[in-house]
Structure formats: structure tokens, C-alpha cells
Amino acid sequence: MGTINEEYISVENLKHERFAPIVLFVYNRPWHTQQTVEALQKNVYAAESELIIYADAAKNAQAEEKVQEVRKYIKSITGFKSVKIIEQKTN
């Protein structure tokens, strides 16, 4: 495996580059969702990246509380170029 030329991947050299969006699918696991987002936020290019989140609706009454907890959390996410949330009404 080759080495990475740090000058080549610097933020300055990537100012005019376009990044593919990050797509995250969430359901009823708030801890896992938070851990995933925090890992993504640590990426040096997070502020240059669009984050798209698809949030499924609860399948049943037992899942409703956790689904709502996840939805509340994803609405608080910052640190990306943009955050777009798509919440499904049914599952």
C-alpha cells in the first residue's frame, strides 16, 4: 500500500472539490446513531460534507419511544455542510 501525500489531501487543495453526500439510515437505536454521527463528525472533511438522514417510522408501539428519541437527536446534529432529514410517516 502506498503512502498518502498530505499536501495532496489538504483542505486547501480540496476547496473546489465536491464530495459525495453521506447517507445515514436510522430507526430505533439512539446510542448507535449517536456513536455513528460522532465518528463522522471527527472526519477532517465533515464540514465540507452533506449529511442526509433517512429516519424510518416505528413499526409498532414498542418501537415508538426509541424512534422518537432518535428523531430528536438527529435534529440537533451540526458540524456538516448541511444536514437533510427525511422522516418516514409509516413503516
Protein backbone atom coordinates (compact mmCIF):
# COMPACT_ATOMS: atom_id res chain seq x y z
CA MET A 1 0.00 0.00 0.00
CA GLY A 2 1.34 3.41 -0.95
CA THR A 3 1.76 6.44 1.22
CA ILE A 4 -0.56 9.42 1.14
CA ASN A 5 0.80 12.77 0.08
CA GLU A 6 -0.59 15.05 2.81
CA GLU A 7 -0.25 18.14 0.64
CA TYR A 8 -2.48 16.50 -1.96
CA ILE A 9 -5.30 15.80 0.51
CA SER A 10 -5.15 19.09 2.40
CA VAL A 11 -8.36 21.06 2.82
CA GLU A 12 -6.81 23.94 0.87
CA ASN A 13 -6.33 21.71 -2.18
CA LEU A 14 -9.88 20.37 -1.89
CA LYS A 15 -11.73 23.69 -1.65
CA HIS A 16 -13.15 23.31 -5.13
CA GLU A 17 -13.73 19.57 -4.93
CA ARG A 18 -17.21 18.17 -4.47
CA PHE A 19 -17.77 15.39 -2.01
CA ALA A 20 -20.36 12.66 -2.34
CA PRO A 21 -23.08 13.04 0.29
CA ILE A 22 -23.08 10.86 3.38
CA VAL A 23 -26.34 8.91 3.72
CA LEU A 24 -27.34 7.51 7.10
CA PHE A 25 -30.35 5.30 7.75
CA VAL A 26 -31.71 5.34 11.32
CA TYR A 27 -34.51 3.63 13.18
CA ASN A 28 -34.72 2.95 16.92
CA ARG A 29 -31.14 2.80 18.19
CA PRO A 30 -30.26 6.18 19.68
CA TRP A 31 -26.89 5.12 21.13
CA HIS A 32 -25.73 3.59 17.84
CA THR A 33 -26.94 6.62 15.91
CA GLN A 34 -25.05 9.00 18.18
CA GLN A 35 -21.86 6.93 18.03
CA THR A 36 -22.02 6.85 14.23
CA VAL A 37 -22.61 10.59 13.91
CA GLU A 38 -19.84 11.43 16.37
CA ALA A 39 -17.41 9.30 14.36
CA LEU A 40 -18.46 11.06 11.15
CA GLN A 41 -18.06 14.48 12.80
CA LYS A 42 -14.44 13.67 13.61
CA ASN A 43 -13.62 13.36 9.92
CA VAL A 44 -11.48 16.25 8.72
CA TYR A 45 -13.89 16.83 5.81
CA ALA A 46 -17.15 16.67 7.79
CA ALA A 47 -17.71 20.42 7.46
CA GLU A 48 -17.43 20.06 3.68
CA SER A 49 -19.86 17.11 3.53
CA GLU A 50 -23.62 16.93 3.17
CA LEU A 51 -25.33 14.53 5.57
CA ILE A 52 -28.65 13.01 4.51
CA ILE A 53 -30.55 11.04 7.15
CA TYR A 54 -33.47 8.72 6.45
CA ALA A 55 -35.45 8.03 9.61
CA ASP A 56 -37.89 5.12 9.47
CA ALA A 57 -41.19 5.31 11.33
CA ALA A 58 -41.94 2.96 14.21
CA LYS A 59 -43.19 -0.47 13.15
CA ASN A 60 -45.16 -0.86 16.37
CA ALA A 61 -45.95 0.83 19.67
CA GLN A 62 -42.93 -0.76 21.39
CA ALA A 63 -40.53 0.97 18.99
CA GLU A 64 -42.18 4.40 19.13
CA GLU A 65 -40.27 5.79 22.14
CA LYS A 66 -36.83 4.89 20.74
CA VAL A 67 -37.76 6.14 17.27
CA GLN A 68 -38.76 9.50 18.76
CA GLU A 69 -35.52 9.62 20.77
CA VAL A 70 -33.51 9.09 17.58
CA ARG A 71 -35.52 11.72 15.72
CA LYS A 72 -34.97 14.26 18.48
CA TYR A 73 -31.22 13.59 18.41
CA ILE A 74 -30.81 13.82 14.62
CA LYS A 75 -32.48 17.25 14.64
CA SER A 76 -29.66 18.51 16.85
CA ILE A 77 -26.79 17.39 14.59
CA THR A 78 -24.28 20.04 13.48
CA GLY A 79 -20.77 20.03 12.06
CA PHE A 80 -21.62 19.24 8.43
CA LYS A 81 -22.03 21.45 5.38
CA SER A 82 -25.72 20.60 5.56
CA VAL A 83 -27.99 18.09 7.27
CA LYS A 84 -31.13 16.94 5.47
CA ILE A 85 -33.59 14.73 7.37
CA ILE A 86 -36.25 12.63 5.71
CA GLU A 87 -38.70 11.20 8.23
CA GLN A 88 -40.99 8.42 7.07
CA LYS A 89 -44.57 8.55 8.37
CA THR A 90 -45.16 4.81 8.05
CA ASN A 91 -43.03 1.71 8.10
